[in-house]
Amino acid sequence: QVQLVESGGGLVQAGGSLSLSCIASGRTFSWDAMGWWRQAPEKEREFVASISSTGGLREYLNSVKGRFIISRDNAKNTVYLQMNSLKPEDTAVYYCARAKVRTTNPFDYDYWGQGTQVTVAS
């Protein structure tokens, strides 16, 4: 069983920054690819970023490229999402999730955190 716990969400003004963290427990974290997803009210869950088990490969949603950075520290069983130049349209609940390989397919993610709210005020 894998447990994922996100933290770091909050309210920020447009143009500001937030850093999300997700701590994993329950299995060898360094074997797993990880991803960040988000869901805004009345919208489907949306892929944001993913990172391979070693951190060497990363992928981003086009609208966050150049603003968001996904990273991981396998020694701390933690994956991060640094969010810069935030926009009101980034407002959503952000989830971290685990997959066996780096992917943008939500059905390949088998464990999800409870989510953390990010609100960007205009």
Protein backbone atom coordinates (compact mmCIF):
# COMPACT_ATOMS: atom_id res chain seq x y z
CA GLN A 1 0.00 0.00 0.00
CA VAL A 2 1.26 3.43 -0.96
CA GLN A 3 0.30 6.56 0.92
CA LEU A 4 0.76 10.02 -0.56
CA VAL A 5 0.33 13.23 1.41
CA GLU A 6 0.45 16.63 -0.29
CA SER A 7 1.14 19.95 1.36
CA GLY A 8 1.99 23.52 0.43
CA GLY A 9 -1.21 24.77 -1.15
CA GLY A 10 -2.78 28.09 -0.29
CA LEU A 11 -3.92 31.47 -1.54
CA VAL A 12 -1.56 33.57 -3.64
CA GLN A 13 -1.84 36.65 -5.83
CA ALA A 14 -1.44 36.32 -9.58
CA GLY A 15 2.23 36.37 -10.49
CA GLY A 16 3.21 34.80 -7.20
CA SER A 17 4.74 31.43 -6.40
CA LEU A 18 3.90 28.33 -4.39
CA SER A 19 5.79 25.14 -3.74
CA LEU A 20 3.91 21.88 -3.30
CA SER A 21 5.34 18.77 -1.66
CA CYS A 22 4.17 15.18 -1.66
CA ILE A 23 5.61 12.65 0.77
CA ALA A 24 5.26 8.98 -0.11
CA SER A 25 5.32 5.97 2.16
CA GLY A 26 4.64 2.28 1.90
CA ARG A 27 7.07 1.05 -0.76
CA THR A 28 10.38 1.92 -2.36
CA PHE A 29 9.74 5.42 -3.68
CA SER A 30 12.75 5.45 -5.97
CA TRP A 31 11.20 2.72 -8.13
CA ASP A 32 8.16 4.81 -9.02
CA ALA A 33 7.36 7.53 -11.50
CA MET A 34 5.36 10.37 -9.99
CA GLY A 35 2.94 12.91 -11.34
CA TRP A 36 1.05 16.02 -10.39
CA TRP A 37 -2.54 16.48 -11.52
CA ARG A 38 -5.13 19.16 -10.84
CA GLN A 39 -8.87 19.53 -10.88
CA ALA A 40 -10.73 22.81 -11.04
CA PRO A 41 -14.40 23.09 -10.09
CA GLU A 42 -16.68 21.51 -12.68
CA LYS A 43 -13.71 20.42 -14.79
CA GLU A 44 -12.06 17.07 -15.40
CA ARG A 45 -8.84 16.15 -13.67
CA GLU A 46 -5.91 17.44 -15.73
CA PHE A 47 -2.31 16.26 -16.05
CA VAL A 48 0.20 18.88 -14.90
CA ALA A 49 3.63 17.23 -14.76
CA SER A 50 5.37 13.90 -14.40
CA ILE A 51 8.84 12.75 -13.48
CA SER A 52 10.61 9.45 -13.97
CA SER A 53 11.87 7.35 -11.06
CA THR A 54 15.40 8.77 -11.28
CA GLY A 55 14.26 12.29 -12.10
CA GLY A 56 15.98 12.30 -15.45
CA LEU A 57 12.83 12.62 -17.54
CA ARG A 58 10.09 15.18 -17.02
CA GLU A 59 6.97 16.17 -18.90
CA TYR A 60 4.65 19.15 -18.51
CA LEU A 61 1.25 20.40 -19.53
CA ASN A 62 1.88 22.97 -22.25
CA SER A 63 0.26 25.80 -20.32
CA VAL A 64 2.63 25.37 -17.35
CA LYS A 65 5.89 24.89 -19.28
CA GLY A 66 8.42 27.50 -18.23
CA ARG A 67 6.45 28.29 -15.06
CA PHE A 68 6.26 25.00 -13.13
CA ILE A 69 9.10 22.66 -12.20
CA ILE A 70 8.66 19.10 -10.99
CA SER A 71 11.48 17.54 -9.00
CA ARG A 72 12.06 14.75 -6.52
CA ASP A 73 14.32 13.77 -3.66
CA ASN A 74 14.37 9.98 -3.40
CA ALA A 75 16.27 10.12 -0.12
CA LYS A 76 13.31 11.98 1.38
CA ASN A 77 10.58 10.05 -0.50
CA THR A 78 9.29 13.40 -1.70
CA VAL A 79 8.20 14.89 -5.01
CA TYR A 80 7.86 18.64 -5.44
CA LEU A 81 6.06 21.05 -7.73
CA GLN A 82 7.47 24.56 -7.82
CA MET A 83 4.87 26.88 -9.31
CA ASN A 84 5.93 30.34 -10.47
CA SER A 85 4.13 33.16 -12.29
CA LEU A 86 0.83 31.74 -11.14
CA LYS A 87 -2.35 32.67 -12.98
CA PRO A 88 -5.99 32.58 -11.85
CA GLU A 89 -6.55 29.69 -14.26
CA ASP A 90 -4.09 27.63 -12.20
CA THR A 91 -6.65 27.57 -9.39
CA ALA A 92 -7.49 23.94 -8.61
CA VAL A 93 -7.01 21.10 -6.19
CA TYR A 94 -3.59 19.63 -6.89
CA TYR A 95 -2.95 15.91 -6.48
CA CYS A 96 0.21 13.88 -6.56
CA ALA A 97 0.01 10.33 -7.86
CA ARG A 98 2.19 7.29 -8.42
CA ALA A 99 2.70 5.31 -11.60
CA LYS A 100 4.99 2.46 -12.56
CA VAL A 101 6.33 4.46 -15.48
CA ARG A 102 6.25 8.14 -16.42
CA THR A 103 2.93 8.76 -18.17
CA THR A 104 0.17 11.25 -18.89
CA ASN A 105 -2.55 8.59 -18.79
CA PRO A 106 -4.58 8.91 -15.58
CA PHE A 107 -5.46 5.21 -15.67
CA ASP A 108 -1.77 4.34 -15.24
CA TYR A 109 -1.69 6.09 -11.85
CA ASP A 110 -2.74 3.68 -9.12
CA TYR A 111 -2.24 5.72 -5.94
CA TRP A 112 -3.38 9.30 -5.34
CA GLY A 113 -3.00 11.78 -2.53
CA GLN A 114 -5.91 13.60 -0.94
CA GLY A 115 -5.12 16.86 -2.74
CA THR A 116 -4.16 20.37 -1.72
CA GLN A 117 -6.04 23.51 -2.72
CA VAL A 118 -4.26 26.19 -4.73
CA THR A 119 -6.12 29.46 -5.22
CA VAL A 120 -4.70 32.25 -7.36
CA ALA A 121 -6.38 35.61 -6.91
CA SER A 122 -6.46 38.10 -9.77
